[in-house]
Amino acid sequence: MRKRADYIQSIEIKALWKGGRHIAWQLQPDVNILSGINGVGKSTIINHSARMLDAIEKGELAPDDAPYGVNIQLMPTDATYIKFDVIRSFDRPLLHSDLLEKLSDSRVKTELDWQIYRLQKRFLDYQVNIGNRIIELLTTGSPEDQQKAAEVSAPKKQFQDMIDGLFADTGKKIDRKSNEIQFIQTQNQNTQIITPYQLSSGEKQILAILLTVLVENREPYALLMDEPEISLHIDWQQRLIDLIRQLNPHAQIILSTHSPALIMDGWMSNVTEVGEISN
C-alpha cells in the first residue's frame, strides 16, 4: 500500500541547468520562500520539483529516483508520495489549440481561466464529499457528531468570508446559493451575476490560490507557487501566506518571489536565497 507524506523534507537538483549548479534545499514543514535576482533559477527549481512530484504521485517511480536531476525526500521517510498543487501566476492567453477544442466553456480564454475552470470541478466534488460527511454525522443523533458536522462545513464558510472581505471594495460577494463559484455584484443599486472569468487578473489569482487550498480539505499537502504576487495588490501580497495558513494549517508552502511584501508579516526567517543552496 502506498503511504502519503506529510511534507517535503528536502529538494536536491543535481544540475539546475545542463552542466550547471547543484541545488540542495532543506525545507521547513510550513513555509518556504525562495528568493533571488532574475535568472538565478527560482522558477526552474519550482518547475523541476513539480514535475518530479507529479511522477512520484502517479506512482511512476520511487522518491529516491531522479529524473530531471531531481531528488525529493519526503517525511516520514518511508512515504511513497505526497499530494501537491501548483499555482501559475501569469494570466496569458490560452494558446493550446487541442485544449481549446475540448473545452465546452467559451469563457475560458487565459491560463488563470483554465485553472479556475478545473477548480470549479474540484469544488463541486469537495461540496459533495463534505455534504455526505455532514449527513453521515447528523444521522447518528449524538450531540458530539452534530458538533463535528458543524466543524466539517466551517472551512467552506471561512473561504467564502475571506473572498467577500478581499473583494469588498468592488461590491462583489460569493453567491452562496450557487453550486459553482460565482459572484453577486451590487453597484449603484444595480445587482448582477459575475462569473470568475470576468474578474481582474489579481482577483482570479487570489481566488485560484485560496480555492486550491480549500479543496484539499485541510489535509497535509505541498503547495508550490512561482511568483504568486505578480497580479496581487500589495495588501493581498502581505496577507497571502497567513490566509493560506488559516484555511489549511497543514499545507506546506513552497514559493518563489521578488516581493518584500510577502515576508513582511513575520516570514523573514523562512526566506532562502538561491545562492545559499547552490554549489
C-alpha atoms as a PDB file:
ATOM      1  CA  MET A   1       0.000   0.000   0.000  1.00  0.00           C
ATOM      2  CA  ARG A   2       1.263   3.470  -0.876  1.00  0.00           C
ATOM      3  CA  LYS A   3       1.917   5.794   2.065  1.00  0.00           C
ATOM      4  CA  ARG A   4       1.179   9.508   1.855  1.00  0.00           C
ATOM      5  CA  ALA A   5       3.746  12.012   3.149  1.00  0.00           C
ATOM      6  CA  ASP A   6       3.052  14.924   5.482  1.00  0.00           C
ATOM      7  CA  TYR A   7       5.543  17.268   3.852  1.00  0.00           C
ATOM      8  CA  ILE A   8       8.690  17.512   1.734  1.00  0.00           C
ATOM      9  CA  GLN A   9      11.896  17.339   3.735  1.00  0.00           C
ATOM     10  CA  SER A  10      14.373  18.289   1.019  1.00  0.00           C
ATOM     11  CA  ILE A  11      14.808  19.003  -2.680  1.00  0.00           C
ATOM     12  CA  GLU A  12      18.049  18.180  -4.473  1.00  0.00           C
ATOM     13  CA  ILE A  13      18.720  19.093  -8.105  1.00  0.00           C
ATOM     14  CA  LYS A  14      21.961  17.630  -9.387  1.00  0.00           C
ATOM     15  CA  ALA A  15      22.312  20.091 -12.258  1.00  0.00           C
ATOM     16  CA  LEU A  16      19.962  23.075 -12.314  1.00  0.00           C
ATOM     17  CA  TRP A  17      20.987  23.750 -15.884  1.00  0.00           C
ATOM     18  CA  LYS A  18      22.960  21.469 -18.199  1.00  0.00           C
ATOM     19  CA  GLY A  19      26.441  21.356 -16.750  1.00  0.00           C
ATOM     20  CA  GLY A  20      25.259  23.858 -14.115  1.00  0.00           C
ATOM     21  CA  ARG A  21      24.801  24.240 -10.386  1.00  0.00           C
ATOM     22  CA  HIS A  22      23.911  21.636  -7.759  1.00  0.00           C
ATOM     23  CA  ILE A  23      20.931  22.583  -5.555  1.00  0.00           C
ATOM     24  CA  ALA A  24      20.394  21.183  -2.035  1.00  0.00           C
ATOM     25  CA  TRP A  25      17.421  22.763  -0.244  1.00  0.00           C
ATOM     26  CA  GLN A  26      16.332  21.668   3.240  1.00  0.00           C
ATOM     27  CA  LEU A  27      12.664  22.582   3.703  1.00  0.00           C
ATOM     28  CA  GLN A  28      10.565  23.548   6.702  1.00  0.00           C
ATOM     29  CA  PRO A  29       7.192  21.809   7.195  1.00  0.00           C
ATOM     30  CA  ASP A  30       5.192  25.056   6.998  1.00  0.00           C
ATOM     31  CA  VAL A  31       6.535  27.910   4.844  1.00  0.00           C
ATOM     32  CA  ASN A  32       9.484  28.028   2.420  1.00  0.00           C
ATOM     33  CA  ILE A  33      10.251  31.168   0.407  1.00  0.00           C
ATOM     34  CA  LEU A  34      12.861  31.139  -2.361  1.00  0.00           C
ATOM     35  CA  SER A  35      14.378  34.499  -3.254  1.00  0.00           C
ATOM     36  CA  GLY A  36      16.975  35.771  -5.709  1.00  0.00           C
ATOM     37  CA  ILE A  37      17.604  38.046  -8.672  1.00  0.00           C
ATOM     38  CA  ASN A  38      16.117  37.421 -12.127  1.00  0.00           C
ATOM     39  CA  GLY A  39      17.709  34.499 -13.965  1.00  0.00           C
ATOM     40  CA  VAL A  40      19.198  32.809 -10.899  1.00  0.00           C
ATOM     41  CA  GLY A  41      16.917  29.777 -11.256  1.00  0.00           C
ATOM     42  CA  LYS A  42      13.987  30.248  -8.856  1.00  0.00           C
ATOM     43  CA  SER A  43      11.314  29.276 -11.378  1.00  0.00           C
ATOM     44  CA  THR A  44      13.421  26.389 -12.693  1.00  0.00           C
ATOM     45  CA  ILE A  45      13.700  24.929  -9.184  1.00  0.00           C
ATOM     46  CA  ILE A  46       9.918  25.172  -8.652  1.00  0.00           C
ATOM     47  CA  ASN A  47       9.108  23.722 -12.106  1.00  0.00           C
ATOM     48  CA  HIS A  48      11.584  20.821 -11.895  1.00  0.00           C
ATOM     49  CA  SER A  49      10.284  19.968  -8.423  1.00  0.00           C
ATOM     50  CA  ALA A  50       6.662  19.999  -9.637  1.00  0.00           C
ATOM     51  CA  ARG A  51       7.466  17.576 -12.486  1.00  0.00           C
ATOM     52  CA  MET A  52       9.206  15.218 -10.078  1.00  0.00           C
ATOM     53  CA  LEU A  53       6.311  15.373  -7.585  1.00  0.00           C
ATOM     54  CA  ASP A  54       3.878  14.575 -10.388  1.00  0.00           C
ATOM     55  CA  ALA A  55       5.869  11.473 -11.317  1.00  0.00           C
ATOM     56  CA  ILE A  56       6.001  10.360  -7.664  1.00  0.00           C
ATOM     57  CA  GLU A  57       2.265  10.913  -7.097  1.00  0.00           C
ATOM     58  CA  LYS A  58       1.379   8.876 -10.194  1.00  0.00           C
ATOM     59  CA  GLY A  59       3.466   6.025  -8.850  1.00  0.00           C
ATOM     60  CA  GLU A  60       5.781   6.101 -11.852  1.00  0.00           C
ATOM     61  CA  LEU A  61       8.926   5.935  -9.712  1.00  0.00           C
ATOM     62  CA  ALA A  62      10.206   5.782  -6.168  1.00  0.00           C
ATOM     63  CA  PRO A  63      11.017   9.047  -4.343  1.00  0.00           C
ATOM     64  CA  ASP A  64      14.750   8.361  -4.471  1.00  0.00           C
ATOM     65  CA  ASP A  65      14.825   8.161  -8.286  1.00  0.00           C
ATOM     66  CA  ALA A  66      15.908  11.315 -10.035  1.00  0.00           C
ATOM     67  CA  PRO A  67      14.637  12.214 -13.495  1.00  0.00           C
ATOM     68  CA  TYR A  68      15.356  15.835 -14.445  1.00  0.00           C
ATOM     69  CA  GLY A  69      18.264  15.537 -11.980  1.00  0.00           C
ATOM     70  CA  VAL A  70      15.819  15.965  -9.098  1.00  0.00           C
ATOM     71  CA  ASN A  71      15.759  14.014  -5.840  1.00  0.00           C
ATOM     72  CA  ILE A  72      12.952  14.683  -3.335  1.00  0.00           C
ATOM     73  CA  GLN A  73      12.960  13.355   0.216  1.00  0.00           C
ATOM     74  CA  LEU A  74       9.605  13.030   1.942  1.00  0.00           C
ATOM     75  CA  MET A  75       8.615  12.989   5.606  1.00  0.00           C
ATOM     76  CA  PRO A  76       8.044  10.467   7.028  1.00  0.00           C
ATOM     77  CA  THR A  77      10.919   8.876   5.177  1.00  0.00           C
ATOM     78  CA  ASP A  78       9.003   5.704   4.307  1.00  0.00           C
ATOM     79  CA  ALA A  79       6.269   7.686   2.490  1.00  0.00           C
ATOM     80  CA  THR A  80       5.970   6.954  -1.232  1.00  0.00           C
ATOM     81  CA  TYR A  81       4.094  10.050  -2.474  1.00  0.00           C
ATOM     82  CA  ILE A  82       2.700  13.428  -1.439  1.00  0.00           C
ATOM     83  CA  LYS A  83      -0.380  15.345  -2.535  1.00  0.00           C
ATOM     84  CA  PHE A  84       0.531  18.673  -4.124  1.00  0.00           C
ATOM     85  CA  ASP A  85      -0.798  21.582  -6.156  1.00  0.00           C
ATOM     86  CA  VAL A  86       0.964  24.087  -8.421  1.00  0.00           C
ATOM     87  CA  ILE A  87      -0.208  27.679  -8.880  1.00  0.00           C
ATOM     88  CA  ARG A  88       0.914  29.550 -12.012  1.00  0.00           C
ATOM     89  CA  SER A  89       0.768  33.329 -11.901  1.00  0.00           C
ATOM     90  CA  PHE A  90       0.707  34.558 -15.474  1.00  0.00           C
ATOM     91  CA  ASP A  91      -2.693  35.392 -16.977  1.00  0.00           C
ATOM     92  CA  ARG A  92      -1.579  34.749 -20.545  1.00  0.00           C
ATOM     93  CA  PRO A  93      -3.887  33.812 -23.408  1.00  0.00           C
ATOM     94  CA  LEU A  94      -4.624  30.092 -23.605  1.00  0.00           C
ATOM     95  CA  LEU A  95      -2.963  29.056 -26.871  1.00  0.00           C
ATOM     96  CA  HIS A  96      -3.099  25.241 -26.794  1.00  0.00           C
ATOM     97  CA  SER A  97      -5.369  24.524 -29.777  1.00  0.00           C
ATOM     98  CA  ASP A  98      -6.247  20.911 -28.798  1.00  0.00           C
ATOM     99  CA  LEU A  99      -7.221  22.060 -25.326  1.00  0.00           C
ATOM    100  CA  LEU A 100      -9.402  24.886 -26.622  1.00  0.00           C
ATOM    101  CA  GLU A 101     -11.271  22.485 -28.894  1.00  0.00           C
ATOM    102  CA  LYS A 102     -12.105  20.196 -25.973  1.00  0.00           C
ATOM    103  CA  LEU A 103     -13.417  22.974 -23.727  1.00  0.00           C
ATOM    104  CA  SER A 104     -17.174  23.317 -23.524  1.00  0.00           C
ATOM    105  CA  ASP A 105     -16.943  26.773 -21.936  1.00  0.00           C
ATOM    106  CA  SER A 106     -16.044  29.559 -24.358  1.00  0.00           C
ATOM    107  CA  ARG A 107     -15.372  31.947 -21.455  1.00  0.00           C
ATOM    108  CA  VAL A 108     -12.105  30.149 -20.696  1.00  0.00           C
ATOM    109  CA  LYS A 109      -9.550  32.245 -22.557  1.00  0.00           C
ATOM    110  CA  THR A 110      -6.460  32.563 -20.318  1.00  0.00           C
ATOM    111  CA  GLU A 111      -4.237  30.334 -18.196  1.00  0.00           C
ATOM    112  CA  LEU A 112      -5.864  31.590 -14.994  1.00  0.00           C
ATOM    113  CA  ASP A 113      -9.302  30.926 -16.517  1.00  0.00           C
ATOM    114  CA  TRP A 114      -8.185  27.349 -17.181  1.00  0.00           C
ATOM    115  CA  GLN A 115      -7.022  26.913 -13.585  1.00  0.00           C
ATOM    116  CA  ILE A 116     -10.359  28.220 -12.287  1.00  0.00           C
ATOM    117  CA  TYR A 117     -12.285  26.028 -14.756  1.00  0.00           C
ATOM    118  CA  ARG A 118     -10.595  22.920 -13.342  1.00  0.00           C
ATOM    119  CA  LEU A 119     -11.038  24.175  -9.780  1.00  0.00           C
ATOM    120  CA  GLN A 120     -14.783  24.535 -10.324  1.00  0.00           C
ATOM    121  CA  LYS A 121     -14.955  20.763 -10.861  1.00  0.00           C
ATOM    122  CA  ARG A 122     -12.851  20.089  -7.782  1.00  0.00           C
ATOM    123  CA  PHE A 123     -15.065  22.468  -5.780  1.00  0.00           C
ATOM    124  CA  LEU A 124     -18.183  20.520  -6.778  1.00  0.00           C
ATOM    125  CA  ASP A 125     -16.532  17.260  -5.677  1.00  0.00           C
ATOM    126  CA  TYR A 126     -15.451  18.912  -2.418  1.00  0.00           C
ATOM    127  CA  GLN A 127     -19.022  20.028  -1.680  1.00  0.00           C
ATOM    128  CA  VAL A 128     -20.404  16.542  -2.361  1.00  0.00           C
ATOM    129  CA  ASN A 129     -17.822  14.996  -0.038  1.00  0.00           C
ATOM    130  CA  ILE A 130     -18.451  17.365   2.859  1.00  0.00           C
ATOM    131  CA  GLY A 131     -22.217  17.084   2.288  1.00  0.00           C
ATOM    132  CA  ASN A 132     -22.042  13.301   2.586  1.00  0.00           C
ATOM    133  CA  ARG A 133     -19.882  13.595   5.684  1.00  0.00           C
ATOM    134  CA  ILE A 134     -22.348  16.016   7.324  1.00  0.00           C
ATOM    135  CA  ILE A 135     -25.311  13.697   6.580  1.00  0.00           C
ATOM    136  CA  GLU A 136     -23.383  10.748   7.999  1.00  0.00           C
ATOM    137  CA  LEU A 137     -22.667  12.621  11.239  1.00  0.00           C
ATOM    138  CA  LEU A 138     -26.158  14.063  11.670  1.00  0.00           C
ATOM    139  CA  THR A 139     -27.896  10.689  11.262  1.00  0.00           C
ATOM    140  CA  THR A 140     -26.196   9.323  14.402  1.00  0.00           C
ATOM    141  CA  GLY A 141     -28.188  11.753  16.561  1.00  0.00           C
ATOM    142  CA  SER A 142     -25.373  12.276  19.071  1.00  0.00           C
ATOM    143  CA  PRO A 143     -24.539  15.848  20.232  1.00  0.00           C
ATOM    144  CA  GLU A 144     -20.837  15.181  19.619  1.00  0.00           C
ATOM    145  CA  ASP A 145     -21.428  14.227  15.987  1.00  0.00           C
ATOM    146  CA  GLN A 146     -23.694  17.251  15.492  1.00  0.00           C
ATOM    147  CA  GLN A 147     -20.803  19.451  16.655  1.00  0.00           C
ATOM    148  CA  LYS A 148     -18.459  17.624  14.272  1.00  0.00           C
ATOM    149  CA  ALA A 149     -20.931  18.228  11.414  1.00  0.00           C
ATOM    150  CA  ALA A 150     -20.733  21.983  12.034  1.00  0.00           C
ATOM    151  CA  GLU A 151     -16.932  21.785  12.011  1.00  0.00           C
ATOM    152  CA  VAL A 152     -16.948  19.967   8.643  1.00  0.00           C
ATOM    153  CA  SER A 153     -18.695  22.903   6.948  1.00  0.00           C
ATOM    154  CA  ALA A 154     -16.633  25.606   8.707  1.00  0.00           C
ATOM    155  CA  PRO A 155     -13.723  25.810   6.175  1.00  0.00           C
ATOM    156  CA  LYS A 156     -16.110  26.491   3.271  1.00  0.00           C
ATOM    157  CA  LYS A 157     -17.711  29.398   5.154  1.00  0.00           C
ATOM    158  CA  GLN A 158     -14.254  30.656   6.146  1.00  0.00           C
ATOM    159  CA  PHE A 159     -13.217  30.653   2.480  1.00  0.00           C
ATOM    160  CA  GLN A 160     -16.380  32.499   1.434  1.00  0.00           C
ATOM    161  CA  ASP A 161     -15.889  35.100   4.158  1.00  0.00           C
ATOM    162  CA  MET A 162     -12.251  35.589   3.092  1.00  0.00           C
ATOM    163  CA  ILE A 163     -13.149  36.197  -0.542  1.00  0.00           C
ATOM    164  CA  ASP A 164     -16.027  38.537   0.375  1.00  0.00           C
ATOM    165  CA  GLY A 165     -13.651  40.565   2.523  1.00  0.00           C
ATOM    166  CA  LEU A 166     -10.957  40.733  -0.173  1.00  0.00           C
ATOM    167  CA  PHE A 167     -13.465  41.796  -2.858  1.00  0.00           C
ATOM    168  CA  ALA A 168     -15.496  44.160  -0.640  1.00  0.00           C
ATOM    169  CA  ASP A 169     -14.212  47.359  -2.278  1.00  0.00           C
ATOM    170  CA  THR A 170     -15.693  46.328  -5.636  1.00  0.00           C
ATOM    171  CA  GLY A 171     -19.057  45.254  -4.224  1.00  0.00           C
ATOM    172  CA  LYS A 172     -18.596  41.571  -5.098  1.00  0.00           C
ATOM    173  CA  LYS A 173     -19.751  38.740  -2.849  1.00  0.00           C
ATOM    174  CA  ILE A 174     -19.760  34.992  -3.449  1.00  0.00           C
ATOM    175  CA  ASP A 175     -23.187  33.687  -4.391  1.00  0.00           C
ATOM    176  CA  ARG A 176     -23.664  31.210  -1.545  1.00  0.00           C
ATOM    177  CA  LYS A 177     -26.722  29.634  -3.132  1.00  0.00           C
ATOM    178  CA  SER A 178     -24.823  28.562  -6.254  1.00  0.00           C
ATOM    179  CA  ASN A 179     -23.115  25.179  -6.520  1.00  0.00           C
ATOM    180  CA  GLU A 180     -20.389  26.770  -8.668  1.00  0.00           C
ATOM    181  CA  ILE A 181     -18.220  29.731  -7.759  1.00  0.00           C
ATOM    182  CA  GLN A 182     -19.864  32.916  -8.999  1.00  0.00           C
ATOM    183  CA  PHE A 183     -20.396  36.379  -7.599  1.00  0.00           C
ATOM    184  CA  ILE A 184     -23.170  38.849  -6.931  1.00  0.00           C
ATOM    185  CA  GLN A 185     -22.036  42.419  -7.542  1.00  0.00           C
ATOM    186  CA  THR A 186     -24.014  45.392  -6.302  1.00  0.00           C
ATOM    187  CA  GLN A 187     -23.115  48.870  -7.557  1.00  0.00           C
ATOM    188  CA  ASN A 188     -25.331  51.963  -7.616  1.00  0.00           C
ATOM    189  CA  GLN A 189     -28.307  49.846  -6.505  1.00  0.00           C
ATOM    190  CA  ASN A 190     -27.829  47.543  -9.515  1.00  0.00           C
ATOM    191  CA  THR A 191     -27.160  43.845  -8.934  1.00  0.00           C
ATOM    192  CA  GLN A 192     -25.645  41.452 -11.464  1.00  0.00           C
ATOM    193  CA  ILE A 193     -24.101  37.979 -11.576  1.00  0.00           C
ATOM    194  CA  ILE A 194     -20.348  37.901 -12.232  1.00  0.00           C
ATOM    195  CA  THR A 195     -18.533  34.734 -13.307  1.00  0.00           C
ATOM    196  CA  PRO A 196     -14.938  34.091 -12.170  1.00  0.00           C
ATOM    197  CA  TYR A 197     -13.804  34.584 -15.769  1.00  0.00           C
ATOM    198  CA  GLN A 198     -14.961  38.227 -15.632  1.00  0.00           C
ATOM    199  CA  LEU A 199     -12.704  39.037 -12.684  1.00  0.00           C
ATOM    200  CA  SER A 200      -9.483  41.015 -12.927  1.00  0.00           C
ATOM    201  CA  SER A 201      -6.186  39.119 -13.118  1.00  0.00           C
ATOM    202  CA  GLY A 202      -5.453  39.831  -9.451  1.00  0.00           C
ATOM    203  CA  GLU A 203      -8.914  38.681  -8.376  1.00  0.00           C
ATOM    204  CA  LYS A 204      -8.578  35.487 -10.424  1.00  0.00           C
ATOM    205  CA  GLN A 205      -5.167  34.873  -8.897  1.00  0.00           C
ATOM    206  CA  ILE A 206      -6.235  35.160  -5.247  1.00  0.00           C
ATOM    207  CA  LEU A 207      -9.392  33.145  -5.972  1.00  0.00           C
ATOM    208  CA  ALA A 208      -7.382  30.342  -7.625  1.00  0.00           C
ATOM    209  CA  ILE A 209      -4.915  30.172  -4.732  1.00  0.00           C
ATOM    210  CA  LEU A 210      -7.482  30.123  -1.925  1.00  0.00           C
ATOM    211  CA  LEU A 211      -9.852  27.782  -3.768  1.00  0.00           C
ATOM    212  CA  THR A 212      -6.967  25.375  -4.367  1.00  0.00           C
ATOM    213  CA  VAL A 213      -6.196  25.428  -0.643  1.00  0.00           C
ATOM    214  CA  LEU A 214      -9.865  24.912   0.309  1.00  0.00           C
ATOM    215  CA  VAL A 215     -10.492  21.813  -1.810  1.00  0.00           C
ATOM    216  CA  GLU A 216      -7.559  19.989  -0.195  1.00  0.00           C
ATOM    217  CA  ASN A 217      -9.842  19.838   2.871  1.00  0.00           C
ATOM    218  CA  ARG A 218      -7.221  20.696   5.495  1.00  0.00           C
ATOM    219  CA  GLU A 219      -5.177  17.610   4.737  1.00  0.00           C
ATOM    220  CA  PRO A 220      -1.349  17.685   4.581  1.00  0.00           C
ATOM    221  CA  TYR A 221      -0.048  18.561   1.126  1.00  0.00           C
ATOM    222  CA  ALA A 222       2.507  20.746  -0.665  1.00  0.00           C
ATOM    223  CA  LEU A 223       1.521  23.981  -2.407  1.00  0.00           C
ATOM    224  CA  LEU A 224       4.079  25.185  -4.983  1.00  0.00           C
ATOM    225  CA  MET A 225       3.783  28.742  -6.296  1.00  0.00           C
ATOM    226  CA  ASP A 226       6.026  30.593  -8.749  1.00  0.00           C
ATOM    227  CA  GLU A 227       5.905  34.345  -8.032  1.00  0.00           C
ATOM    228  CA  PRO A 228       2.260  34.359  -6.875  1.00  0.00           C
ATOM    229  CA  GLU A 229       2.418  38.076  -6.128  1.00  0.00           C
ATOM    230  CA  ILE A 230       2.618  39.229  -9.753  1.00  0.00           C
ATOM    231  CA  SER A 231      -1.045  40.263 -10.147  1.00  0.00           C
ATOM    232  CA  LEU A 232      -1.870  40.873  -6.481  1.00  0.00           C
ATOM    233  CA  HIS A 233      -2.444  44.177  -4.703  1.00  0.00           C
ATOM    234  CA  ILE A 234       0.275  44.944  -2.135  1.00  0.00           C
ATOM    235  CA  ASP A 235      -2.158  44.351   0.750  1.00  0.00           C
ATOM    236  CA  TRP A 236      -3.117  40.944  -0.658  1.00  0.00           C
ATOM    237  CA  GLN A 237       0.565  40.066  -1.053  1.00  0.00           C
ATOM    238  CA  GLN A 238       1.212  40.860   2.579  1.00  0.00           C
ATOM    239  CA  ARG A 239      -1.742  38.728   3.759  1.00  0.00           C
ATOM    240  CA  LEU A 240      -1.316  35.828   1.332  1.00  0.00           C
ATOM    241  CA  ILE A 241       0.659  33.374   3.464  1.00  0.00           C
ATOM    242  CA  ASP A 242      -1.493  33.950   6.546  1.00  0.00           C
ATOM    243  CA  LEU A 243      -4.702  33.455   4.532  1.00  0.00           C
ATOM    244  CA  ILE A 244      -3.404  30.136   3.202  1.00  0.00           C
ATOM    245  CA  ARG A 245      -2.336  29.019   6.677  1.00  0.00           C
ATOM    246  CA  GLN A 246      -5.736  29.922   8.128  1.00  0.00           C
ATOM    247  CA  LEU A 247      -7.552  27.824   5.507  1.00  0.00           C
ATOM    248  CA  ASN A 248      -5.195  24.872   5.850  1.00  0.00           C
ATOM    249  CA  PRO A 249      -2.647  24.854   8.694  1.00  0.00           C
ATOM    250  CA  HIS A 250      -1.298  21.552   7.316  1.00  0.00           C
ATOM    251  CA  ALA A 251      -0.287  22.953   3.915  1.00  0.00           C
ATOM    252  CA  GLN A 252       3.435  23.162   3.211  1.00  0.00           C
ATOM    253  CA  ILE A 253       4.001  26.336   1.204  1.00  0.00           C
ATOM    254  CA  ILE A 254       6.913  26.398  -1.271  1.00  0.00           C
ATOM    255  CA  LEU A 255       7.135  29.577  -3.333  1.00  0.00           C
ATOM    256  CA  SER A 256       9.496  31.827  -5.245  1.00  0.00           C
ATOM    257  CA  THR A 257       9.165  35.589  -5.067  1.00  0.00           C
ATOM    258  CA  HIS A 258      10.611  39.021  -5.759  1.00  0.00           C
ATOM    259  CA  SER A 259       8.228  40.792  -3.391  1.00  0.00           C
ATOM    260  CA  PRO A 260       9.267  42.008   0.089  1.00  0.00           C
ATOM    261  CA  ALA A 261       5.548  42.297   0.934  1.00  0.00           C
ATOM    262  CA  LEU A 262       5.138  38.501   1.102  1.00  0.00           C
ATOM    263  CA  ILE A 263       7.559  38.258   4.020  1.00  0.00           C
ATOM    264  CA  MET A 264       6.552  41.421   5.893  1.00  0.00           C
ATOM    265  CA  ASP A 265       4.193  39.568   8.241  1.00  0.00           C
ATOM    266  CA  GLY A 266       6.840  37.615  10.142  1.00  0.00           C
ATOM    267  CA  TRP A 267       8.169  35.235   7.484  1.00  0.00           C
ATOM    268  CA  MET A 268      11.686  36.650   7.086  1.00  0.00           C
ATOM    269  CA  SER A 269      13.246  33.617   8.781  1.00  0.00           C
ATOM    270  CA  ASN A 270      11.593  31.364   6.180  1.00  0.00           C
ATOM    271  CA  VAL A 271      13.393  33.009   3.235  1.00  0.00           C
ATOM    272  CA  THR A 272      16.159  31.128   1.420  1.00  0.00           C
ATOM    273  CA  GLU A 273      18.390  32.801  -1.167  1.00  0.00           C
ATOM    274  CA  VAL A 274      19.177  30.606  -4.178  1.00  0.00           C
ATOM    275  CA  GLY A 275      22.877  31.273  -3.562  1.00  0.00           C
ATOM    276  CA  GLU A 276      22.607  29.707  -0.101  1.00  0.00           C
ATOM    277  CA  ILE A 277      21.533  26.322  -1.508  1.00  0.00           C
ATOM    278  CA  SER A 278      23.780  26.288  -4.620  1.00  0.00           C
ATOM    279  CA  ASN A 279      27.145  24.665  -5.193  1.00  0.00           C
END
